[in-house]
Amino acid sequence: MLGGIITGKPPVSLSQATPIARLTSEYNVFVVPA
């Protein structure tokens, strides 16, 4: 969502909502069709 806001510059801001909690972290995997 942060990346999308940076590139898309939508009229709504995440700062309008209320931070509650970070839950998980995860790394990306790149895949190709079999």
PDB file of all heavy atoms in Angstrom:
ATOM      1  N   MET A   1       0.830  -1.205   0.000  1.00  0.00           N
ATOM      2  CA  MET A   1       0.000   0.000   0.000  1.00  0.00           C
ATOM      3  C   MET A   1       0.864   1.254   0.000  1.00  0.00           C
ATOM      4  O   MET A   1       0.551   2.237  -0.689  1.00  0.00           O
ATOM      5  CB  MET A   1      -0.944   0.008   1.200  1.00  0.00           C
ATOM      6  CG  MET A   1      -1.900   1.198   1.215  1.00  0.00           C
ATOM      7  SD  MET A   1      -3.127   1.116   2.554  1.00  0.00           S
ATOM      8  CE  MET A   1      -4.267  -0.108   1.891  1.00  0.00           C
ATOM      9  N   LEU A   2       1.963   1.234   0.748  1.00  0.00           N
ATOM     10  CA  LEU A   2       2.855   2.392   0.766  1.00  0.00           C
ATOM     11  C   LEU A   2       3.416   2.656  -0.629  1.00  0.00           C
ATOM     12  O   LEU A   2       3.440   3.797  -1.099  1.00  0.00           O
ATOM     13  CB  LEU A   2       4.005   2.176   1.755  1.00  0.00           C
ATOM     14  CG  LEU A   2       3.667   1.818   3.200  1.00  0.00           C
ATOM     15  CD1 LEU A   2       4.914   1.945   4.070  1.00  0.00           C
ATOM     16  CD2 LEU A   2       2.545   2.660   3.745  1.00  0.00           C
ATOM     17  N   GLY A   3       3.861   1.587  -1.298  1.00  0.00           N
ATOM     18  CA  GLY A   3       4.408   1.739  -2.646  1.00  0.00           C
ATOM     19  C   GLY A   3       3.369   2.262  -3.613  1.00  0.00           C
ATOM     20  O   GLY A   3       3.661   3.109  -4.467  1.00  0.00           O
ATOM     21  N   GLY A   4       2.126   1.783  -3.485  1.00  0.00           N
ATOM     22  CA  GLY A   4       1.064   2.243  -4.360  1.00  0.00           C
ATOM     23  C   GLY A   4       0.728   3.702  -4.144  1.00  0.00           C
ATOM     24  O   GLY A   4       0.438   4.438  -5.097  1.00  0.00           O
ATOM     25  N   ILE A   5       0.768   4.139  -2.901  1.00  0.00           N
ATOM     26  CA  ILE A   5       0.502   5.546  -2.599  1.00  0.00           C
ATOM     27  C   ILE A   5       1.607   6.427  -3.167  1.00  0.00           C
ATOM     28  O   ILE A   5       1.352   7.507  -3.700  1.00  0.00           O
ATOM     29  CB  ILE A   5       0.365   5.737  -1.075  1.00  0.00           C
ATOM     30  CG1 ILE A   5      -0.948   5.095  -0.591  1.00  0.00           C
ATOM     31  CG2 ILE A   5       0.410   7.209  -0.701  1.00  0.00           C
ATOM     32  CD1 ILE A   5      -1.108   5.064   0.916  1.00  0.00           C
ATOM     33  N   ILE A   6       2.854   5.959  -3.078  1.00  0.00           N
ATOM     34  CA  ILE A   6       3.978   6.737  -3.607  1.00  0.00           C
ATOM     35  C   ILE A   6       3.876   6.903  -5.126  1.00  0.00           C
ATOM     36  O   ILE A   6       4.093   7.985  -5.665  1.00  0.00           O
ATOM     37  CB  ILE A   6       5.318   6.075  -3.229  1.00  0.00           C
ATOM     38  CG1 ILE A   6       5.538   6.171  -1.716  1.00  0.00           C
ATOM     39  CG2 ILE A   6       6.488   6.731  -3.971  1.00  0.00           C
ATOM     40  CD1 ILE A   6       6.684   5.314  -1.191  1.00  0.00           C
ATOM     41  N   THR A   7       3.519   5.822  -5.817  1.00  0.00           N
ATOM     42  CA  THR A   7       3.453   5.897  -7.282  1.00  0.00           C
ATOM     43  C   THR A   7       2.136   6.460  -7.787  1.00  0.00           C
ATOM     44  O   THR A   7       2.102   7.179  -8.781  1.00  0.00           O
ATOM     45  CB  THR A   7       3.656   4.500  -7.909  1.00  0.00           C
ATOM     46  OG1 THR A   7       2.662   3.592  -7.401  1.00  0.00           O
ATOM     47  CG2 THR A   7       5.033   3.961  -7.605  1.00  0.00           C
ATOM     48  N   GLY A   8       1.030   6.136  -7.107  1.00  0.00           N
ATOM     49  CA  GLY A   8      -0.285   6.527  -7.604  1.00  0.00           C
ATOM     50  C   GLY A   8      -0.787   7.862  -7.107  1.00  0.00           C
ATOM     51  O   GLY A   8      -1.661   8.475  -7.717  1.00  0.00           O
ATOM     52  N   LYS A   9      -0.262   8.314  -5.951  1.00  0.00           N
ATOM     53  CA  LYS A   9      -0.676   9.580  -5.349  1.00  0.00           C
ATOM     54  C   LYS A   9      -2.197   9.722  -5.277  1.00  0.00           C
ATOM     55  O   LYS A   9      -2.780  10.658  -5.818  1.00  0.00           O
ATOM     56  CB  LYS A   9      -0.070  10.756  -6.135  1.00  0.00           C
ATOM     57  CG  LYS A   9       1.447  10.743  -6.180  1.00  0.00           C
ATOM     58  CD  LYS A   9       2.002  11.892  -7.001  1.00  0.00           C
ATOM     59  CE  LYS A   9       3.522  11.843  -7.057  1.00  0.00           C
ATOM     60  NZ  LYS A   9       4.095  12.921  -7.891  1.00  0.00           N
ATOM     61  N   PRO A  10      -2.879   8.796  -4.609  1.00  0.00           N
ATOM     62  CA  PRO A  10      -4.331   8.863  -4.520  1.00  0.00           C
ATOM     63  C   PRO A  10      -4.782  10.023  -3.637  1.00  0.00           C
ATOM     64  O   PRO A  10      -3.998  10.528  -2.818  1.00  0.00           O
ATOM     65  CB  PRO A  10      -4.706   7.522  -3.882  1.00  0.00           C
ATOM     66  CG  PRO A  10      -3.512   7.168  -3.065  1.00  0.00           C
ATOM     67  CD  PRO A  10      -2.327   7.651  -3.863  1.00  0.00           C
ATOM     68  N   PRO A  11      -6.031  10.460  -3.775  1.00  0.00           N
ATOM     69  CA  PRO A  11      -6.518  11.584  -2.975  1.00  0.00           C
ATOM     70  C   PRO A  11      -6.672  11.250  -1.497  1.00  0.00           C
ATOM     71  O   PRO A  11      -6.697  12.145  -0.655  1.00  0.00           O
ATOM     72  CB  PRO A  11      -7.883  11.898  -3.608  1.00  0.00           C
ATOM     73  CG  PRO A  11      -8.297  10.634  -4.281  1.00  0.00           C
ATOM     74  CD  PRO A  11      -7.023  10.009  -4.767  1.00  0.00           C
ATOM     75  N   VAL A  12      -6.792   9.971  -1.178  1.00  0.00           N
ATOM     76  CA  VAL A  12      -6.929   9.568   0.218  1.00  0.00           C
ATOM     77  C   VAL A  12      -5.563   9.253   0.802  1.00  0.00           C
ATOM     78  O   VAL A  12      -4.659   8.800   0.094  1.00  0.00           O
ATOM     79  CB  VAL A  12      -7.860   8.341   0.338  1.00  0.00           C
ATOM     80  CG1 VAL A  12      -7.222   7.127  -0.323  1.00  0.00           C
ATOM     81  CG2 VAL A  12      -8.199   8.037   1.786  1.00  0.00           C
ATOM     82  N   SER A  13      -5.387   9.511   2.091  1.00  0.00           N
ATOM     83  CA  SER A  13      -4.095   9.303   2.745  1.00  0.00           C
ATOM     84  C   SER A  13      -4.203   8.246   3.833  1.00  0.00           C
ATOM     85  O   SER A  13      -5.201   8.183   4.567  1.00  0.00           O
ATOM     86  CB  SER A  13      -3.595  10.615   3.364  1.00  0.00           C
ATOM     87  OG  SER A  13      -2.476  10.390   4.195  1.00  0.00           O
ATOM     88  N   LEU A  14      -3.181   7.421   3.957  1.00  0.00           N
ATOM     89  CA  LEU A  14      -3.146   6.406   5.012  1.00  0.00           C
ATOM     90  C   LEU A  14      -3.142   7.068   6.383  1.00  0.00           C
ATOM     91  O   LEU A  14      -3.660   6.507   7.361  1.00  0.00           O
ATOM     92  CB  LEU A  14      -1.912   5.523   4.841  1.00  0.00           C
ATOM     93  CG  LEU A  14      -1.762   4.336   5.792  1.00  0.00           C
ATOM     94  CD1 LEU A  14      -2.948   3.385   5.679  1.00  0.00           C
ATOM     95  CD2 LEU A  14      -0.463   3.599   5.514  1.00  0.00           C
ATOM     96  N   SER A  15      -2.610   8.286   6.463  1.00  0.00           N
ATOM     97  CA  SER A  15      -2.545   8.989   7.742  1.00  0.00           C
ATOM     98  C   SER A  15      -3.925   9.356   8.277  1.00  0.00           C
ATOM     99  O   SER A  15      -4.067   9.726   9.447  1.00  0.00           O
ATOM    100  CB  SER A  15      -1.689  10.250   7.609  1.00  0.00           C
ATOM    101  OG  SER A  15      -2.270  11.151   6.683  1.00  0.00           O
ATOM    102  N   GLN A  16      -4.951   9.241   7.445  1.00  0.00           N
ATOM    103  CA  GLN A  16      -6.309   9.521   7.903  1.00  0.00           C
ATOM    104  C   GLN A  16      -6.849   8.384   8.777  1.00  0.00           C
ATOM    105  O   GLN A  16      -7.781   8.588   9.552  1.00  0.00           O
ATOM    106  CB  GLN A  16      -7.234   9.734   6.699  1.00  0.00           C
ATOM    107  CG  GLN A  16      -6.926  11.000   5.900  1.00  0.00           C
ATOM    108  CD  GLN A  16      -7.729  11.086   4.610  1.00  0.00           C
ATOM    109  OE1 GLN A  16      -7.219  10.815   3.528  1.00  0.00           O
ATOM    110  NE2 GLN A  16      -8.990  11.444   4.731  1.00  0.00           N
ATOM    111  N   ALA A  17      -6.294   7.197   8.632  1.00  0.00           N
ATOM    112  CA  ALA A  17      -6.710   6.055   9.440  1.00  0.00           C
ATOM    113  C   ALA A  17      -5.802   5.947  10.669  1.00  0.00           C
ATOM    114  O   ALA A  17      -4.872   6.727  10.841  1.00  0.00           O
ATOM    115  CB  ALA A  17      -6.672   4.779   8.608  1.00  0.00           C
ATOM    116  N   THR A  18      -6.069   4.948  11.517  1.00  0.00           N
ATOM    117  CA  THR A  18      -5.382   4.835  12.804  1.00  0.00           C
ATOM    118  C   THR A  18      -4.494   3.600  12.861  1.00  0.00           C
ATOM    119  O   THR A  18      -5.000   2.477  12.790  1.00  0.00           O
ATOM    120  CB  THR A  18      -6.413   4.764  13.943  1.00  0.00           C
ATOM    121  OG1 THR A  18      -7.308   5.875  13.858  1.00  0.00           O
ATOM    122  CG2 THR A  18      -5.725   4.777  15.301  1.00  0.00           C
ATOM    123  N   PRO A  19      -3.180   3.762  13.001  1.00  0.00           N
ATOM    124  CA  PRO A  19      -2.284   2.604  13.080  1.00  0.00           C
ATOM    125  C   PRO A  19      -2.597   1.721  14.286  1.00  0.00           C
ATOM    126  O   PRO A  19      -2.744   2.235  15.400  1.00  0.00           O
ATOM    127  CB  PRO A  19      -0.895   3.235  13.211  1.00  0.00           C
ATOM    128  CG  PRO A  19      -1.063   4.652  12.745  1.00  0.00           C
ATOM    129  CD  PRO A  19      -2.456   5.035  13.103  1.00  0.00           C
ATOM    130  N   ILE A  20      -2.702   0.413  14.056  1.00  0.00           N
ATOM    131  CA  ILE A  20      -2.970  -0.530  15.147  1.00  0.00           C
ATOM    132  C   ILE A  20      -1.789  -1.460  15.361  1.00  0.00           C
ATOM    133  O   ILE A  20      -1.173  -1.465  16.427  1.00  0.00           O
ATOM    134  CB  ILE A  20      -4.251  -1.355  14.868  1.00  0.00           C
ATOM    135  CG1 ILE A  20      -5.464  -0.432  14.738  1.00  0.00           C
ATOM    136  CG2 ILE A  20      -4.471  -2.386  15.992  1.00  0.00           C
ATOM    137  CD1 ILE A  20      -5.785   0.384  15.983  1.00  0.00           C
ATOM    138  N   ALA A  21      -1.431  -2.266  14.344  1.00  0.00           N
ATOM    139  CA  ALA A  21      -0.352  -3.230  14.568  1.00  0.00           C
ATOM    140  C   ALA A  21       0.239  -3.746  13.272  1.00  0.00           C
ATOM    141  O   ALA A  21      -0.470  -3.917  12.284  1.00  0.00           O
ATOM    142  CB  ALA A  21      -0.875  -4.420  15.383  1.00  0.00           C
ATOM    143  N   ARG A  22       1.537  -3.979  13.283  1.00  0.00           N
ATOM    144  CA  ARG A  22       2.178  -4.786  12.249  1.00  0.00           C
ATOM    145  C   ARG A  22       2.060  -6.228  12.704  1.00  0.00           C
ATOM    146  O   ARG A  22       2.212  -6.531  13.893  1.00  0.00           O
ATOM    147  CB  ARG A  22       3.654  -4.395  12.104  1.00  0.00           C
ATOM    148  CG  ARG A  22       4.381  -5.140  10.984  1.00  0.00           C
ATOM    149  CD  ARG A  22       5.854  -4.759  10.927  1.00  0.00           C
ATOM    150  NE  ARG A  22       6.573  -5.184  12.121  1.00  0.00           N
ATOM    151  CZ  ARG A  22       7.858  -4.894  12.363  1.00  0.00           C
ATOM    152  NH1 ARG A  22       8.544  -4.171  11.519  1.00  0.00           N
ATOM    153  NH2 ARG A  22       8.435  -5.325  13.473  1.00  0.00           N
ATOM    154  N   LEU A  23       1.787  -7.115  11.763  1.00  0.00           N
ATOM    155  CA  LEU A  23       1.551  -8.518  12.105  1.00  0.00           C
ATOM    156  C   LEU A  23       2.684  -9.447  11.693  1.00  0.00           C
ATOM    157  O   LEU A  23       3.165 -10.253  12.491  1.00  0.00           O
ATOM    158  CB  LEU A  23       0.247  -9.000  11.442  1.00  0.00           C
ATOM    159  CG  LEU A  23      -1.034  -8.264  11.831  1.00  0.00           C
ATOM    160  CD1 LEU A  23      -2.180  -8.701  10.934  1.00  0.00           C
ATOM    161  CD2 LEU A  23      -1.361  -8.520  13.297  1.00  0.00           C
ATOM    162  N   THR A  24       3.077  -9.374  10.424  1.00  0.00           N
ATOM    163  CA  THR A  24       4.043 -10.328   9.880  1.00  0.00           C
ATOM    164  C   THR A  24       5.006  -9.639   8.928  1.00  0.00           C
ATOM    165  O   THR A  24       4.755  -8.535   8.448  1.00  0.00           O
ATOM    166  CB  THR A  24       3.337 -11.444   9.086  1.00  0.00           C
ATOM    167  OG1 THR A  24       2.646 -10.851   7.963  1.00  0.00           O
ATOM    168  CG2 THR A  24       2.350 -12.205   9.950  1.00  0.00           C
ATOM    169  N   SER A  25       6.089 -10.316   8.654  1.00  0.00           N
ATOM    170  CA  SER A  25       6.976  -9.907   7.573  1.00  0.00           C
ATOM    171  C   SER A  25       7.224 -11.120   6.692  1.00  0.00           C
ATOM    172  O   SER A  25       7.080 -12.267   7.134  1.00  0.00           O
ATOM    173  CB  SER A  25       8.298  -9.341   8.109  1.00  0.00           C
ATOM    174  OG  SER A  25       9.069 -10.357   8.713  1.00  0.00           O
ATOM    175  N   GLU A  26       7.573 -10.859   5.461  1.00  0.00           N
ATOM    176  CA  GLU A  26       7.739 -11.941   4.496  1.00  0.00           C
ATOM    177  C   GLU A  26       8.584 -11.428   3.334  1.00  0.00           C
ATOM    178  O   GLU A  26       8.473 -10.258   2.951  1.00  0.00           O
ATOM    179  CB  GLU A  26       6.358 -12.382   3.993  1.00  0.00           C
ATOM    180  CG  GLU A  26       6.368 -13.578   3.066  1.00  0.00           C
ATOM    181  CD  GLU A  26       4.955 -13.980   2.657  1.00  0.00           C
ATOM    182  OE1 GLU A  26       4.063 -13.108   2.589  1.00  0.00           O
ATOM    183  OE2 GLU A  26       4.737 -15.177   2.405  1.00  0.00           O
ATOM    184  N   TYR A  27       9.418 -12.298   2.783  1.00  0.00           N
ATOM    185  CA  TYR A  27      10.190 -11.918   1.607  1.00  0.00           C
ATOM    186  C   TYR A  27       9.484 -12.422   0.350  1.00  0.00           C
ATOM    187  O   TYR A  27       8.661 -13.338   0.402  1.00  0.00           O
ATOM    188  CB  TYR A  27      11.609 -12.480   1.693  1.00  0.00           C
ATOM    189  CG  TYR A  27      12.454 -11.771   2.719  1.00  0.00           C
ATOM    190  CD1 TYR A  27      12.659 -12.323   3.989  1.00  0.00           C
ATOM    191  CD2 TYR A  27      13.031 -10.538   2.448  1.00  0.00           C
ATOM    192  CE1 TYR A  27      13.423 -11.661   4.943  1.00  0.00           C
ATOM    193  CE2 TYR A  27      13.795  -9.872   3.400  1.00  0.00           C
ATOM    194  CZ  TYR A  27      13.983 -10.437   4.642  1.00  0.00           C
ATOM    195  OH  TYR A  27      14.726  -9.772   5.584  1.00  0.00           O
ATOM    196  N   ASN A  28       9.802 -11.787  -0.762  1.00  0.00           N
ATOM    197  CA  ASN A  28       9.197 -12.179  -2.029  1.00  0.00           C
ATOM    198  C   ASN A  28       9.932 -13.349  -2.659  1.00  0.00           C
ATOM    199  O   ASN A  28      11.145 -13.507  -2.487  1.00  0.00           O
ATOM    200  CB  ASN A  28       9.199 -11.006  -3.015  1.00  0.00           C
ATOM    201  CG  ASN A  28       8.218  -9.924  -2.632  1.00  0.00           C
ATOM    202  OD1 ASN A  28       8.608  -8.855  -2.188  1.00  0.00           O
ATOM    203  ND2 ASN A  28       6.935 -10.193  -2.798  1.00  0.00           N
ATOM    204  N   VAL A  29       9.193 -14.140  -3.399  1.00  0.00           N
ATOM    205  CA  VAL A  29       9.774 -15.203  -4.205  1.00  0.00           C
ATOM    206  C   VAL A  29       9.371 -14.955  -5.648  1.00  0.00           C
ATOM    207  O   VAL A  29       8.244 -14.516  -5.927  1.00  0.00           O
ATOM    208  CB  VAL A  29       9.296 -16.594  -3.734  1.00  0.00           C
ATOM    209  CG1 VAL A  29       7.792 -16.740  -3.837  1.00  0.00           C
ATOM    210  CG2 VAL A  29       9.985 -17.709  -4.528  1.00  0.00           C
ATOM    211  N   PHE A  30      10.296 -15.169  -6.569  1.00  0.00           N
ATOM    212  CA  PHE A  30       9.992 -15.072  -7.997  1.00  0.00           C
ATOM    213  C   PHE A  30       9.857 -16.481  -8.559  1.00  0.00           C
ATOM    214  O   PHE A  30      10.677 -17.356  -8.266  1.00  0.00           O
ATOM    215  CB  PHE A  30      11.079 -14.296  -8.742  1.00  0.00           C
ATOM    216  CG  PHE A  30      10.974 -12.801  -8.553  1.00  0.00           C
ATOM    217  CD1 PHE A  30      11.866 -12.121  -7.738  1.00  0.00           C
ATOM    218  CD2 PHE A  30       9.960 -12.090  -9.180  1.00  0.00           C
ATOM    219  CE1 PHE A  30      11.767 -10.754  -7.562  1.00  0.00           C
ATOM    220  CE2 PHE A  30       9.850 -10.723  -8.998  1.00  0.00           C
ATOM    221  CZ  PHE A  30      10.740 -10.043  -8.190  1.00  0.00           C
ATOM    222  N   VAL A  31       8.816 -16.673  -9.347  1.00  0.00           N
ATOM    223  CA  VAL A  31       8.536 -17.996  -9.917  1.00  0.00           C
ATOM    224  C   VAL A  31       8.335 -17.882 -11.416  1.00  0.00           C
ATOM    225  O   VAL A  31       8.057 -16.803 -11.951  1.00  0.00           O
ATOM    226  CB  VAL A  31       7.271 -18.621  -9.287  1.00  0.00           C
ATOM    227  CG1 VAL A  31       7.422 -18.786  -7.788  1.00  0.00           C
ATOM    228  CG2 VAL A  31       6.024 -17.781  -9.610  1.00  0.00           C
ATOM    229  N   VAL A  32       8.469 -19.014 -12.094  1.00  0.00           N
ATOM    230  CA  VAL A  32       8.163 -19.106 -13.523  1.00  0.00           C
ATOM    231  C   VAL A  32       7.228 -20.296 -13.719  1.00  0.00           C
ATOM    232  O   VAL A  32       7.183 -21.206 -12.874  1.00  0.00           O
ATOM    233  CB  VAL A  32       9.442 -19.294 -14.372  1.00  0.00           C
ATOM    234  CG1 VAL A  32      10.339 -18.065 -14.283  1.00  0.00           C
ATOM    235  CG2 VAL A  32      10.199 -20.547 -13.951  1.00  0.00           C
ATOM    236  N   PRO A  33       6.455 -20.314 -14.800  1.00  0.00           N
ATOM    237  CA  PRO A  33       5.619 -21.483 -15.079  1.00  0.00           C
ATOM    238  C   PRO A  33       6.483 -22.730 -15.223  1.00  0.00           C
ATOM    239  O   PRO A  33       7.662 -22.647 -15.596  1.00  0.00           O
ATOM    240  CB  PRO A  33       4.936 -21.121 -16.404  1.00  0.00           C
ATOM    241  CG  PRO A  33       5.009 -19.625 -16.480  1.00  0.00           C
ATOM    242  CD  PRO A  33       6.293 -19.247 -15.805  1.00  0.00           C
ATOM    243  N   ALA A  34       5.918 -23.872 -14.930  1.00  0.00           N
ATOM    244  CA  ALA A  34       6.682 -25.120 -14.948  1.00  0.00           C
ATOM    245  C   ALA A  34       7.376 -25.371 -16.277  1.00  0.00           C
ATOM    246  O   ALA A  34       8.490 -25.901 -16.322  1.00  0.00           O
ATOM    247  CB  ALA A  34       5.756 -26.292 -14.607  1.00  0.00           C
TER     248      ALA A  34
END
